[in-house]
Amino acid sequence: MVELADDGFCPVRDLYLRLRQFGSREQRRGLKRAVRRGFLLERRGPDGRTYVALSSEGWERFRESTR
């Protein structure tokens, strides 16, 4: 997620392409779980696509994991 969007939004489709080793059901469930827990922000763009970005809580978790 950090590689794709850095501090902005990225299309969910691009995120799913990076996570191809998981099945589509696991991808959707994992994404929704991260949104519910507050790690990701989910928005619908003017083009109708869904976009996600790391929230401040997500950035904190990322920084903790890279220490």
N, C-alpha and C. Protein backbone atom coordinates (compact mmCIF):
# COMPACT_ATOMS: atom_id res chain seq x y z
N MET A 1 0.82 -1.18 0.00
CA MET A 1 0.00 0.00 0.00
C MET A 1 0.87 1.25 0.00
N VAL A 2 1.90 1.25 0.81
CA VAL A 2 2.78 2.42 0.90
C VAL A 2 3.49 2.64 -0.43
N GLU A 3 3.91 1.57 -1.08
CA GLU A 3 4.59 1.70 -2.38
C GLU A 3 3.65 2.25 -3.45
N LEU A 4 2.41 1.86 -3.42
CA LEU A 4 1.46 2.28 -4.45
C LEU A 4 0.98 3.71 -4.27
N ALA A 5 0.57 4.05 -3.07
CA ALA A 5 -0.11 5.33 -2.87
C ALA A 5 0.73 6.36 -2.13
N ASP A 6 1.74 5.92 -1.40
CA ASP A 6 2.53 6.79 -0.54
C ASP A 6 1.58 7.55 0.37
N ASP A 7 1.42 8.85 0.22
CA ASP A 7 0.52 9.59 1.11
C ASP A 7 -0.75 10.04 0.40
N GLY A 8 -1.10 9.35 -0.69
CA GLY A 8 -2.31 9.67 -1.44
C GLY A 8 -3.19 8.44 -1.59
N PHE A 9 -4.16 8.57 -2.46
CA PHE A 9 -5.08 7.47 -2.74
C PHE A 9 -4.60 6.67 -3.94
N CYS A 10 -4.92 5.38 -3.96
CA CYS A 10 -4.64 4.55 -5.12
C CYS A 10 -5.89 3.73 -5.43
N PRO A 11 -6.07 3.35 -6.69
CA PRO A 11 -7.23 2.52 -7.04
C PRO A 11 -7.12 1.14 -6.38
N VAL A 12 -8.24 0.66 -5.90
CA VAL A 12 -8.27 -0.67 -5.27
C VAL A 12 -7.81 -1.72 -6.27
N ARG A 13 -8.14 -1.55 -7.52
CA ARG A 13 -7.73 -2.50 -8.56
C ARG A 13 -6.22 -2.68 -8.57
N ASP A 14 -5.46 -1.58 -8.45
CA ASP A 14 -3.99 -1.67 -8.44
C ASP A 14 -3.50 -2.43 -7.22
N LEU A 15 -4.16 -2.23 -6.09
CA LEU A 15 -3.79 -2.95 -4.87
C LEU A 15 -4.05 -4.44 -5.04
N TYR A 16 -5.19 -4.79 -5.63
CA TYR A 16 -5.50 -6.20 -5.86
C TYR A 16 -4.49 -6.84 -6.81
N LEU A 17 -4.01 -6.11 -7.80
CA LEU A 17 -3.02 -6.66 -8.72
C LEU A 17 -1.72 -6.99 -8.00
N ARG A 18 -1.38 -6.20 -7.00
CA ARG A 18 -0.18 -6.47 -6.20
C ARG A 18 -0.35 -7.67 -5.29
N LEU A 19 -1.58 -7.99 -4.94
CA LEU A 19 -1.86 -9.07 -3.99
C LEU A 19 -2.40 -10.31 -4.70
N ARG A 20 -1.92 -10.58 -5.89
CA ARG A 20 -2.43 -11.69 -6.69
C ARG A 20 -2.23 -13.05 -6.05
N GLN A 21 -1.27 -13.16 -5.13
CA GLN A 21 -1.02 -14.48 -4.53
C GLN A 21 -2.18 -14.92 -3.64
N PHE A 22 -3.05 -13.98 -3.27
CA PHE A 22 -4.24 -14.31 -2.49
C PHE A 22 -5.44 -14.40 -3.42
N GLY A 23 -6.42 -15.16 -3.04
CA GLY A 23 -7.64 -15.26 -3.83
C GLY A 23 -8.44 -13.97 -3.75
N SER A 24 -9.36 -13.79 -4.68
CA SER A 24 -10.13 -12.54 -4.72
C SER A 24 -11.00 -12.37 -3.47
N ARG A 25 -11.49 -13.46 -2.94
CA ARG A 25 -12.30 -13.37 -1.72
C ARG A 25 -11.47 -12.89 -0.54
N GLU A 26 -10.26 -13.43 -0.40
CA GLU A 26 -9.37 -13.01 0.68
C GLU A 26 -8.96 -11.55 0.52
N GLN A 27 -8.76 -11.13 -0.72
CA GLN A 27 -8.40 -9.73 -0.98
C GLN A 27 -9.51 -8.79 -0.51
N ARG A 28 -10.73 -9.08 -0.90
CA ARG A 28 -11.86 -8.23 -0.52
C ARG A 28 -12.06 -8.22 0.99
N ARG A 29 -11.99 -9.39 1.61
CA ARG A 29 -12.18 -9.48 3.06
C ARG A 29 -11.09 -8.72 3.80
N GLY A 30 -9.85 -8.86 3.35
CA GLY A 30 -8.74 -8.16 4.00
C GLY A 30 -8.85 -6.65 3.87
N LEU A 31 -9.26 -6.20 2.69
CA LEU A 31 -9.42 -4.76 2.47
C LEU A 31 -10.52 -4.20 3.35
N LYS A 32 -11.65 -4.86 3.38
CA LYS A 32 -12.77 -4.39 4.21
C LYS A 32 -12.41 -4.41 5.69
N ARG A 33 -11.65 -5.43 6.11
CA ARG A 33 -11.22 -5.50 7.51
C ARG A 33 -10.30 -4.33 7.86
N ALA A 34 -9.38 -4.00 6.96
CA ALA A 34 -8.48 -2.87 7.20
C ALA A 34 -9.24 -1.55 7.25
N VAL A 35 -10.27 -1.41 6.43
CA VAL A 35 -11.09 -0.19 6.46
C VAL A 35 -11.87 -0.12 7.78
N ARG A 36 -12.47 -1.23 8.19
CA ARG A 36 -13.25 -1.25 9.45
C ARG A 36 -12.37 -0.94 10.66
N ARG A 37 -11.13 -1.42 10.64
CA ARG A 37 -10.22 -1.19 11.76
C ARG A 37 -9.60 0.20 11.74
N GLY A 38 -9.83 0.93 10.67
CA GLY A 38 -9.35 2.30 10.60
C GLY A 38 -7.96 2.47 10.04
N PHE A 39 -7.39 1.41 9.44
CA PHE A 39 -6.05 1.50 8.87
C PHE A 39 -6.06 2.09 7.47
N LEU A 40 -7.18 1.93 6.77
CA LEU A 40 -7.32 2.46 5.42
C LEU A 40 -8.55 3.35 5.33
N LEU A 41 -8.46 4.35 4.47
CA LEU A 41 -9.61 5.18 4.12
C LEU A 41 -10.09 4.73 2.75
N GLU A 42 -11.37 4.60 2.58
CA GLU A 42 -11.94 4.16 1.31
C GLU A 42 -12.84 5.25 0.76
N ARG A 43 -12.65 5.59 -0.50
CA ARG A 43 -13.44 6.64 -1.14
C ARG A 43 -13.84 6.19 -2.54
N ARG A 44 -14.97 6.71 -2.99
CA ARG A 44 -15.43 6.47 -4.37
C ARG A 44 -15.07 7.70 -5.18
N GLY A 45 -14.37 7.50 -6.29
CA GLY A 45 -13.96 8.61 -7.14
C GLY A 45 -15.06 9.05 -8.08
N PRO A 46 -14.86 10.18 -8.76
CA PRO A 46 -15.87 10.67 -9.71
C PRO A 46 -16.06 9.72 -10.89
N ASP A 47 -15.08 8.86 -11.12
CA ASP A 47 -15.17 7.88 -12.20
C ASP A 47 -15.91 6.62 -11.78
N GLY A 48 -16.35 6.56 -10.51
CA GLY A 48 -17.09 5.41 -10.02
C GLY A 48 -16.22 4.33 -9.42
N ARG A 49 -14.91 4.45 -9.53
CA ARG A 49 -14.01 3.45 -8.96
C ARG A 49 -13.78 3.70 -7.48
N THR A 50 -13.34 2.66 -6.78
CA THR A 50 -13.03 2.76 -5.37
C THR A 50 -11.53 2.99 -5.20
N TYR A 51 -11.19 3.92 -4.29
CA TYR A 51 -9.81 4.26 -4.00
C TYR A 51 -9.56 4.10 -2.50
N VAL A 52 -8.33 3.76 -2.13
CA VAL A 52 -7.96 3.63 -0.73
C VAL A 52 -6.66 4.38 -0.45
N ALA A 53 -6.51 4.79 0.80
CA ALA A 53 -5.30 5.46 1.27
C ALA A 53 -5.06 5.04 2.71
N LEU A 54 -3.81 5.12 3.14
CA LEU A 54 -3.50 4.82 4.53
C LEU A 54 -3.99 5.95 5.42
N SER A 55 -4.62 5.58 6.52
CA SER A 55 -5.05 6.58 7.51
C SER A 55 -3.86 6.87 8.43
N SER A 56 -4.05 7.80 9.35
CA SER A 56 -2.96 8.10 10.29
C SER A 56 -2.65 6.87 11.15
N GLU A 57 -3.66 6.09 11.51
CA GLU A 57 -3.44 4.86 12.27
C GLU A 57 -2.67 3.84 11.43
N GLY A 58 -2.97 3.79 10.15
CA GLY A 58 -2.25 2.90 9.26
C GLY A 58 -0.79 3.28 9.14
N TRP A 59 -0.52 4.58 9.05
CA TRP A 59 0.88 5.05 9.00
C TRP A 59 1.62 4.71 10.28
N GLU A 60 0.95 4.84 11.43
CA GLU A 60 1.59 4.50 12.70
C GLU A 60 1.96 3.03 12.73
N ARG A 61 1.04 2.17 12.29
CA ARG A 61 1.32 0.73 12.24
C ARG A 61 2.48 0.44 11.30
N PHE A 62 2.51 1.11 10.16
CA PHE A 62 3.59 0.90 9.19
C PHE A 62 4.93 1.29 9.80
N ARG A 63 4.98 2.42 10.47
CA ARG A 63 6.23 2.88 11.09
C ARG A 63 6.67 1.91 12.19
N GLU A 64 5.74 1.41 12.97
CA GLU A 64 6.07 0.45 14.03
C GLU A 64 6.65 -0.83 13.44
N SER A 65 6.11 -1.25 12.32
CA SER A 65 6.57 -2.52 11.73
C SER A 65 7.91 -2.40 11.04
N THR A 66 8.34 -1.18 10.71
CA THR A 66 9.62 -1.02 10.01
C THR A 66 10.74 -0.63 10.94
N ARG A 67 10.49 -0.58 12.23
CA ARG A 67 11.55 -0.23 13.20
C ARG A 67 12.47 -1.38 13.43
